[in-house]
Amino acid sequence: MFAHLAAALILAALPENVRIVIPERIGLSAEQVSSRLEIPPLDPDRGFDSLEIVIYHFSTGKESISLGEEGTLRETSHEGGMKALVKLKRKGALVRVFFIQAVGRDIDVMCRRLSKKLTSIIEKGIRR
């Protein structure tokens, strides 16, 4: 019972007309992303009334440890990334799409950066 309630509270963080889709092969749940995104309410006067975010790539990054010629260990790390297709819809019909991406050392940073890009798209709206 508590798990269902927690999931409902997490999903309630996003506006009801925002949908997150993540293919199972990505290894993330919609709840993991939706609980970290901060998206302003959608205004139908901006040319769309719903938003669908399809996460099609997610990587946590990688760390490499190598042994140098002098016997010293060298560690390098690369940030992870998240890529998304953003679908803007009006009355269920697709009106515009955007491809966005964010990089970061963890999912919180990536989602924060993704939120900024989504907010920019939402605030600009669709020019008619």
Foldseek 3Di string as FASTA:
>chain_A
DVVVVVLVVLQVQDPPQEEEAEDVVQVDDPSVLSNQAHADQFDVVLPAHHKYKYWDHKDLWDKDWDQDPVRDIDIDTDWIKIKIKMFGHHPRHTDDIDIDMATDNGSNRRSHVVNVVNRVDRVNGDDD
